[in-house]
């Protein structure tokens, strides 16, 4: 089964193409609640107290070659299926 993005979630992966210190350590994609898919970047940083954290930035919208599934688009738009007690299964 192929990975299917869901509204409100995304993934970050190690950036193997990092060539300067300003480039992000992590890159990936995120689907916003409205169904739009954007690039996301992450930088590993450290506080003055020595605690590590990841700073993130959402970038430009991804031009999708494959449309978002109808299920995910409907869910992103707030669709809630109605329960029908007359159905015998």
N, C-alpha and C. Protein backbone atom coordinates (compact mmCIF):
# COMPACT_ATOMS: atom_id res chain seq x y z
N UNK A 1 0.85 -1.17 0.00
CA UNK A 1 0.00 0.00 0.00
C UNK A 1 0.89 1.23 0.00
N UNK A 2 0.60 2.15 -0.89
CA UNK A 2 1.39 3.37 -1.02
C UNK A 2 1.02 4.36 0.08
N UNK A 3 1.97 5.21 0.41
CA UNK A 3 1.74 6.25 1.41
C UNK A 3 0.73 7.24 0.87
N UNK A 4 -0.26 7.57 1.66
CA UNK A 4 -1.27 8.55 1.27
C UNK A 4 -1.28 9.67 2.31
N UNK A 5 -1.06 10.90 1.84
CA UNK A 5 -1.06 12.04 2.75
C UNK A 5 -2.46 12.26 3.30
N UNK A 6 -2.53 12.74 4.53
CA UNK A 6 -3.80 13.06 5.17
C UNK A 6 -3.79 14.51 5.61
N UNK A 7 -4.96 15.12 5.59
CA UNK A 7 -5.08 16.52 5.98
C UNK A 7 -4.56 16.73 7.40
N UNK A 8 -3.73 17.75 7.56
CA UNK A 8 -3.19 18.09 8.87
C UNK A 8 -1.94 17.32 9.26
N UNK A 9 -1.31 16.61 8.31
CA UNK A 9 -0.10 15.86 8.66
C UNK A 9 0.90 15.92 7.51
N UNK A 10 2.12 15.51 7.82
CA UNK A 10 3.18 15.50 6.83
C UNK A 10 4.37 14.72 7.33
N UNK A 11 5.45 14.75 6.57
CA UNK A 11 6.65 14.01 6.93
C UNK A 11 7.89 14.84 6.62
N UNK A 12 8.91 14.67 7.47
CA UNK A 12 10.22 15.29 7.26
C UNK A 12 11.26 14.19 7.12
N UNK A 13 12.21 14.39 6.20
CA UNK A 13 13.27 13.44 5.96
C UNK A 13 14.61 14.16 5.98
N UNK A 14 15.68 13.43 6.25
CA UNK A 14 17.02 14.01 6.26
C UNK A 14 17.31 14.61 4.89
N UNK A 15 17.85 15.83 4.87
CA UNK A 15 18.20 16.51 3.63
C UNK A 15 19.59 16.06 3.19
N UNK A 16 19.65 15.16 2.22
CA UNK A 16 20.93 14.65 1.72
C UNK A 16 21.60 15.61 0.75
N UNK A 17 20.91 16.69 0.36
CA UNK A 17 21.44 17.67 -0.59
C UNK A 17 21.93 18.94 0.09
N UNK A 18 22.11 18.92 1.41
CA UNK A 18 22.55 20.11 2.14
C UNK A 18 23.99 20.44 1.77
N UNK A 19 24.19 21.67 1.26
CA UNK A 19 25.54 22.07 0.86
C UNK A 19 26.07 23.26 1.66
N UNK A 20 25.17 24.01 2.32
CA UNK A 20 25.62 25.12 3.16
C UNK A 20 24.96 25.02 4.52
N UNK A 21 25.46 25.76 5.47
CA UNK A 21 24.90 25.73 6.83
C UNK A 21 23.48 26.29 6.89
N UNK A 22 23.12 27.14 5.91
CA UNK A 22 21.79 27.74 5.87
C UNK A 22 20.72 26.79 5.34
N UNK A 23 21.11 25.76 4.62
CA UNK A 23 20.13 24.80 4.10
C UNK A 23 19.53 23.99 5.25
N UNK A 24 18.26 23.60 5.13
CA UNK A 24 17.62 22.84 6.22
C UNK A 24 18.22 21.45 6.40
N UNK A 25 18.18 20.96 7.65
CA UNK A 25 18.63 19.60 7.94
C UNK A 25 17.59 18.58 7.49
N UNK A 26 16.31 19.01 7.48
CA UNK A 26 15.19 18.13 7.16
C UNK A 26 14.30 18.80 6.12
N UNK A 27 13.75 18.02 5.19
CA UNK A 27 12.81 18.54 4.21
C UNK A 27 11.68 17.53 4.01
N UNK A 28 10.56 18.02 3.53
CA UNK A 28 9.44 17.13 3.27
C UNK A 28 8.22 17.90 2.79
N UNK A 29 7.05 17.29 2.98
CA UNK A 29 5.79 17.90 2.55
C UNK A 29 4.77 17.76 3.67
N UNK A 30 3.82 18.70 3.70
CA UNK A 30 2.74 18.68 4.68
C UNK A 30 1.45 19.04 3.97
N UNK A 31 0.35 18.35 4.35
CA UNK A 31 -0.96 18.69 3.81
C UNK A 31 -1.71 19.50 4.87
N UNK A 32 -2.09 20.71 4.51
CA UNK A 32 -2.83 21.57 5.41
C UNK A 32 -4.27 21.07 5.54
N UNK A 33 -5.01 21.52 6.55
CA UNK A 33 -6.39 21.07 6.73
C UNK A 33 -7.29 21.33 5.51
N UNK A 34 -6.95 22.34 4.68
CA UNK A 34 -7.77 22.62 3.50
C UNK A 34 -7.41 21.73 2.31
N UNK A 35 -6.43 20.83 2.48
CA UNK A 35 -6.04 19.90 1.43
C UNK A 35 -4.87 20.35 0.59
N UNK A 36 -4.41 21.59 0.76
CA UNK A 36 -3.27 22.10 0.00
C UNK A 36 -1.98 21.47 0.54
N UNK A 37 -1.10 21.04 -0.36
CA UNK A 37 0.16 20.42 0.03
C UNK A 37 1.28 21.44 -0.15
N UNK A 38 2.08 21.63 0.90
CA UNK A 38 3.18 22.59 0.88
C UNK A 38 4.49 21.88 1.25
N UNK A 39 5.61 22.49 0.80
CA UNK A 39 6.91 22.01 1.24
C UNK A 39 7.12 22.44 2.68
N UNK A 40 7.88 21.65 3.45
CA UNK A 40 8.20 21.99 4.83
C UNK A 40 9.70 21.73 5.04
N UNK A 41 10.34 22.60 5.78
CA UNK A 41 11.78 22.48 6.06
C UNK A 41 12.01 22.55 7.55
N UNK A 42 13.06 21.88 8.03
CA UNK A 42 13.38 21.89 9.45
C UNK A 42 14.87 22.05 9.69
N UNK A 43 15.21 22.82 10.71
CA UNK A 43 16.59 23.06 11.10
C UNK A 43 16.78 22.61 12.53
N UNK A 44 17.81 21.82 12.81
CA UNK A 44 18.13 21.41 14.17
C UNK A 44 18.89 22.56 14.82
N UNK A 45 18.36 23.04 15.95
CA UNK A 45 18.97 24.18 16.66
C UNK A 45 19.13 23.85 18.13
N UNK A 46 19.78 24.74 18.85
CA UNK A 46 20.03 24.53 20.28
C UNK A 46 19.76 25.83 21.03
N UNK A 47 19.05 25.70 22.17
CA UNK A 47 18.78 26.87 23.01
C UNK A 47 20.04 27.27 23.76
N UNK A 48 20.00 28.44 24.38
CA UNK A 48 21.14 28.90 25.19
C UNK A 48 21.40 27.95 26.35
N UNK A 49 20.35 27.25 26.81
CA UNK A 49 20.49 26.29 27.91
C UNK A 49 20.98 24.93 27.45
N UNK A 50 21.16 24.74 26.14
CA UNK A 50 21.69 23.48 25.63
C UNK A 50 20.64 22.48 25.16
N UNK A 51 19.36 22.84 25.25
CA UNK A 51 18.31 21.93 24.79
C UNK A 51 18.18 22.01 23.26
N UNK A 52 18.07 20.85 22.61
CA UNK A 52 17.92 20.81 21.16
C UNK A 52 16.44 20.90 20.79
N UNK A 53 16.18 21.54 19.64
CA UNK A 53 14.83 21.64 19.11
C UNK A 53 14.90 21.73 17.60
N UNK A 54 13.75 21.61 16.95
CA UNK A 54 13.69 21.73 15.49
C UNK A 54 12.83 22.94 15.15
N UNK A 55 13.41 23.87 14.40
CA UNK A 55 12.71 25.03 13.90
C UNK A 55 12.17 24.66 12.52
N UNK A 56 10.89 24.97 12.24
CA UNK A 56 10.30 24.58 10.96
C UNK A 56 9.78 25.79 10.20
N UNK A 57 9.67 25.61 8.88
CA UNK A 57 9.15 26.64 8.00
C UNK A 57 8.33 25.95 6.92
N UNK A 58 7.13 26.50 6.64
CA UNK A 58 6.30 25.99 5.56
C UNK A 58 6.55 26.86 4.34
N UNK A 59 6.82 26.22 3.21
CA UNK A 59 7.15 26.95 1.99
C UNK A 59 6.04 26.97 0.98
N UNK A 60 6.43 27.10 -0.27
CA UNK A 60 5.49 27.22 -1.39
C UNK A 60 4.62 25.98 -1.54
N UNK A 61 3.46 26.19 -2.16
CA UNK A 61 2.55 25.08 -2.42
C UNK A 61 3.15 24.18 -3.49
N UNK A 62 2.98 22.88 -3.30
CA UNK A 62 3.49 21.88 -4.22
C UNK A 62 2.53 21.78 -5.40
N UNK A 63 3.06 21.77 -6.62
CA UNK A 63 2.24 21.49 -7.80
C UNK A 63 2.05 19.99 -7.86
N UNK A 64 0.85 19.55 -7.57
CA UNK A 64 0.59 18.11 -7.50
C UNK A 64 0.27 17.56 -8.88
N UNK A 65 0.98 16.50 -9.28
CA UNK A 65 0.67 15.85 -10.54
C UNK A 65 -0.51 14.91 -10.38
N UNK A 66 -0.67 14.36 -9.17
CA UNK A 66 -1.81 13.49 -8.88
C UNK A 66 -2.76 14.25 -7.95
N UNK A 67 -4.05 14.22 -8.25
CA UNK A 67 -4.99 14.95 -7.39
C UNK A 67 -5.10 14.33 -6.01
N UNK A 68 -5.47 15.15 -5.04
CA UNK A 68 -5.72 14.67 -3.68
C UNK A 68 -6.94 13.77 -3.74
N UNK A 69 -6.91 12.66 -3.01
CA UNK A 69 -8.04 11.73 -3.06
C UNK A 69 -9.32 12.44 -2.64
N UNK A 70 -10.43 12.02 -3.21
CA UNK A 70 -11.72 12.62 -2.90
C UNK A 70 -12.03 12.49 -1.42
N UNK A 71 -11.64 11.36 -0.83
CA UNK A 71 -11.89 11.14 0.59
C UNK A 71 -11.16 12.19 1.43
N UNK A 72 -9.86 12.39 1.16
CA UNK A 72 -9.09 13.36 1.94
C UNK A 72 -9.57 14.79 1.69
N UNK A 73 -9.96 15.11 0.45
CA UNK A 73 -10.44 16.45 0.16
C UNK A 73 -11.75 16.71 0.89
N UNK A 74 -12.66 15.74 0.88
CA UNK A 74 -13.93 15.90 1.58
C UNK A 74 -13.71 16.03 3.09
N UNK A 75 -12.79 15.23 3.62
CA UNK A 75 -12.48 15.28 5.05
C UNK A 75 -11.88 16.64 5.41
N UNK A 76 -11.01 17.16 4.54
CA UNK A 76 -10.39 18.46 4.78
C UNK A 76 -11.42 19.58 4.75
N UNK A 77 -12.48 19.39 3.97
CA UNK A 77 -13.53 20.41 3.87
C UNK A 77 -14.59 20.26 4.96
N UNK A 78 -14.38 19.35 5.91
CA UNK A 78 -15.28 19.22 7.04
C UNK A 78 -16.40 18.21 6.86
N UNK A 79 -16.35 17.39 5.81
CA UNK A 79 -17.40 16.40 5.57
C UNK A 79 -17.41 15.35 6.68
N UNK A 80 -18.57 15.08 7.21
CA UNK A 80 -18.76 14.03 8.22
C UNK A 80 -19.84 13.08 7.71
N UNK A 81 -19.52 11.81 7.48
CA UNK A 81 -20.54 10.89 7.00
C UNK A 81 -21.64 10.72 8.04
N UNK A 82 -22.88 10.60 7.57
CA UNK A 82 -24.00 10.42 8.47
C UNK A 82 -24.21 8.93 8.72
N UNK A 83 -24.58 8.60 9.94
CA UNK A 83 -24.84 7.22 10.30
C UNK A 83 -26.32 6.94 10.05
N UNK A 84 -26.59 5.85 9.36
CA UNK A 84 -27.96 5.48 9.02
C UNK A 84 -28.27 4.14 9.68
N UNK A 85 -29.17 4.16 10.66
CA UNK A 85 -29.48 2.93 11.40
C UNK A 85 -30.39 2.00 10.62
N UNK A 86 -30.93 2.43 9.46
CA UNK A 86 -31.79 1.57 8.66
C UNK A 86 -31.02 0.58 7.81
N UNK A 87 -29.74 0.78 7.66
CA UNK A 87 -28.93 -0.14 6.87
C UNK A 87 -28.62 -1.37 7.69
N UNK A 88 -28.90 -2.58 7.17
CA UNK A 88 -28.78 -3.82 7.97
C UNK A 88 -27.35 -4.31 8.20
N UNK A 89 -26.35 -3.62 7.73
CA UNK A 89 -24.97 -4.08 7.95
C UNK A 89 -24.10 -2.98 8.49
